[in-house]
C-alpha atoms as a PDB file:
ATOM      1  CA  UNK A   1    -105.375  13.316  23.972  1.00  0.00           C
ATOM      2  CA  UNK A   2    -107.111  16.835  23.588  1.00  0.00           C
ATOM      3  CA  UNK A   3    -105.588  19.317  21.099  1.00  0.00           C
ATOM      4  CA  UNK A   4    -104.176  22.374  21.963  1.00  0.00           C
ATOM      5  CA  UNK A   5    -106.194  25.279  21.774  1.00  0.00           C
ATOM      6  CA  UNK A   6    -102.849  27.638  21.086  1.00  0.00           C
ATOM      7  CA  UNK A   7    -102.657  25.076  18.001  1.00  0.00           C
ATOM      8  CA  UNK A   8    -105.984  25.541  16.466  1.00  0.00           C
ATOM      9  CA  UNK A   9    -105.435  29.319  17.065  1.00  0.00           C
ATOM     10  CA  UNK A  10    -102.123  29.263  14.815  1.00  0.00           C
ATOM     11  CA  UNK A  11    -103.964  26.942  12.283  1.00  0.00           C
ATOM     12  CA  UNK A  12    -106.533  29.684  11.837  1.00  0.00           C
ATOM     13  CA  UNK A  13    -104.061  32.515  11.747  1.00  0.00           C
ATOM     14  CA  UNK A  14    -101.882  30.572   9.131  1.00  0.00           C
ATOM     15  CA  UNK A  15    -105.152  30.159   7.040  1.00  0.00           C
ATOM     16  CA  UNK A  16    -106.335  33.999   7.017  1.00  0.00           C
ATOM     17  CA  UNK A  17    -102.554  35.011   5.929  1.00  0.00           C
ATOM     18  CA  UNK A  18    -102.920  32.544   3.174  1.00  0.00           C
ATOM     19  CA  UNK A  19    -106.045  34.301   2.249  1.00  0.00           C
ATOM     20  CA  UNK A  20    -104.565  37.871   2.074  1.00  0.00           C
ATOM     21  CA  UNK A  21    -103.662  38.532  -1.515  1.00  0.00           C
ATOM     22  CA  UNK A  22    -100.119  38.748  -2.275  1.00  0.00           C
ATOM     23  CA  UNK A  23    -100.095  42.154  -3.888  1.00  0.00           C
ATOM     24  CA  UNK A  24    -101.115  43.739  -0.615  1.00  0.00           C
ATOM     25  CA  UNK A  25     -98.264  41.443   1.136  1.00  0.00           C
ATOM     26  CA  UNK A  26     -95.569  42.326  -1.273  1.00  0.00           C
ATOM     27  CA  UNK A  27     -95.915  46.378  -1.181  1.00  0.00           C
ATOM     28  CA  UNK A  28     -93.072  47.857   0.661  1.00  0.00           C
ATOM     29  CA  UNK A  29     -93.658  50.967   2.759  1.00  0.00           C
ATOM     30  CA  UNK A  30     -91.137  53.587   1.632  1.00  0.00           C
ATOM     31  CA  UNK A  31     -89.976  56.458   3.045  1.00  0.00           C
ATOM     32  CA  UNK A  32     -90.726  60.257   1.714  1.00  0.00           C
ATOM     33  CA  UNK A  33     -87.798  61.648  -0.099  1.00  0.00           C
ATOM     34  CA  UNK A  34     -87.530  64.564   2.483  1.00  0.00           C
ATOM     35  CA  UNK A  35     -87.225  62.333   5.509  1.00  0.00           C
ATOM     36  CA  UNK A  36     -83.395  61.255   5.341  1.00  0.00           C
ATOM     37  CA  UNK A  37     -82.084  64.647   4.522  1.00  0.00           C
ATOM     38  CA  UNK A  38     -84.214  66.449   7.315  1.00  0.00           C
ATOM     39  CA  UNK A  39     -83.340  63.694   9.826  1.00  0.00           C
ATOM     40  CA  UNK A  40     -79.645  63.868   9.005  1.00  0.00           C
ATOM     41  CA  UNK A  41     -79.968  68.167   9.271  1.00  0.00           C
ATOM     42  CA  UNK A  42     -81.545  67.780  12.582  1.00  0.00           C
ATOM     43  CA  UNK A  43     -78.734  65.593  13.911  1.00  0.00           C
ATOM     44  CA  UNK A  44     -76.021  67.836  12.708  1.00  0.00           C
ATOM     45  CA  UNK A  45     -77.821  71.249  13.684  1.00  0.00           C
ATOM     46  CA  UNK A  46     -78.223  69.920  17.192  1.00  0.00           C
ATOM     47  CA  UNK A  47     -74.484  68.865  17.478  1.00  0.00           C
ATOM     48  CA  UNK A  48     -73.331  71.974  16.166  1.00  0.00           C
ATOM     49  CA  UNK A  49     -75.410  73.917  18.384  1.00  0.00           C
ATOM     50  CA  UNK A  50     -74.056  71.795  21.629  1.00  0.00           C
ATOM     51  CA  UNK A  51     -70.575  72.180  20.404  1.00  0.00           C
ATOM     52  CA  UNK A  52     -70.796  76.017  19.982  1.00  0.00           C
ATOM     53  CA  UNK A  53     -72.359  76.274  23.406  1.00  0.00           C
ATOM     54  CA  UNK A  54     -69.362  74.621  25.007  1.00  0.00           C
ATOM     55  CA  UNK A  55     -66.643  76.154  22.579  1.00  0.00           C
ATOM     56  CA  UNK A  56     -68.130  79.743  23.653  1.00  0.00           C
ATOM     57  CA  UNK A  57     -68.135  78.863  27.382  1.00  0.00           C
ATOM     58  CA  UNK A  58     -71.820  78.909  27.583  1.00  0.00           C
ATOM     59  CA  UNK A  59     -72.352  82.327  25.962  1.00  0.00           C
ATOM     60  CA  UNK A  60     -73.516  81.484  22.328  1.00  0.00           C
ATOM     61  CA  UNK A  61     -75.668  80.427  20.263  1.00  0.00           C
ATOM     62  CA  UNK A  62     -78.423  82.734  21.913  1.00  0.00           C
ATOM     63  CA  UNK A  63     -76.551  84.627  24.586  1.00  0.00           C
ATOM     64  CA  UNK A  64     -80.134  85.441  26.564  1.00  0.00           C
ATOM     65  CA  UNK A  65     -80.977  81.831  27.608  1.00  0.00           C
ATOM     66  CA  UNK A  66     -78.052  80.379  28.872  1.00  0.00           C
ATOM     67  CA  UNK A  67     -78.305  76.970  29.713  1.00  0.00           C
ATOM     68  CA  UNK A  68     -81.263  76.502  27.714  1.00  0.00           C
ATOM     69  CA  UNK A  69     -79.239  76.204  24.791  1.00  0.00           C
ATOM     70  CA  UNK A  70     -78.560  72.613  25.736  1.00  0.00           C
ATOM     71  CA  UNK A  71     -82.245  72.219  25.705  1.00  0.00           C
ATOM     72  CA  UNK A  72     -82.617  73.651  22.273  1.00  0.00           C
ATOM     73  CA  UNK A  73     -79.417  71.483  20.656  1.00  0.00           C
ATOM     74  CA  UNK A  74     -80.884  68.234  22.359  1.00  0.00           C
ATOM     75  CA  UNK A  75     -84.208  69.492  20.760  1.00  0.00           C
ATOM     76  CA  UNK A  76     -82.869  69.208  17.591  1.00  0.00           C
ATOM     77  CA  UNK A  77     -81.162  65.858  18.115  1.00  0.00           C
ATOM     78  CA  UNK A  78     -84.555  64.586  19.730  1.00  0.00           C
ATOM     79  CA  UNK A  79     -86.412  65.503  16.625  1.00  0.00           C
ATOM     80  CA  UNK A  80     -83.746  63.647  14.388  1.00  0.00           C
ATOM     81  CA  UNK A  81     -84.158  60.580  16.508  1.00  0.00           C
ATOM     82  CA  UNK A  82     -87.945  60.538  16.003  1.00  0.00           C
ATOM     83  CA  UNK A  83     -87.677  61.268  12.214  1.00  0.00           C
ATOM     84  CA  UNK A  84     -85.361  58.093  12.491  1.00  0.00           C
ATOM     85  CA  UNK A  85     -87.752  55.729  13.760  1.00  0.00           C
ATOM     86  CA  UNK A  86     -90.012  56.506  10.431  1.00  0.00           C
ATOM     87  CA  UNK A  87     -87.300  55.757   8.293  1.00  0.00           C
ATOM     88  CA  UNK A  88     -87.378  52.601   5.906  1.00  0.00           C
END
């Protein structure tokens, strides 16, 4: 019975993985120290911005832009989420 091509491919991948130096594999990527505080700060600023917008009956934090304050608040939250994808 002929061998599966997938089986040969997996065997080659295992052989290549075994040849990689252990020090390269064991090196863990760490987050920069500033990442977690900036991420949490963006979440909190965005949340506070949106809460102030609702509590003030859409008058504050910036009176001139009206409902665009929601976009600013969600922008802060979005930056927090994008930073959270880099946290290890």
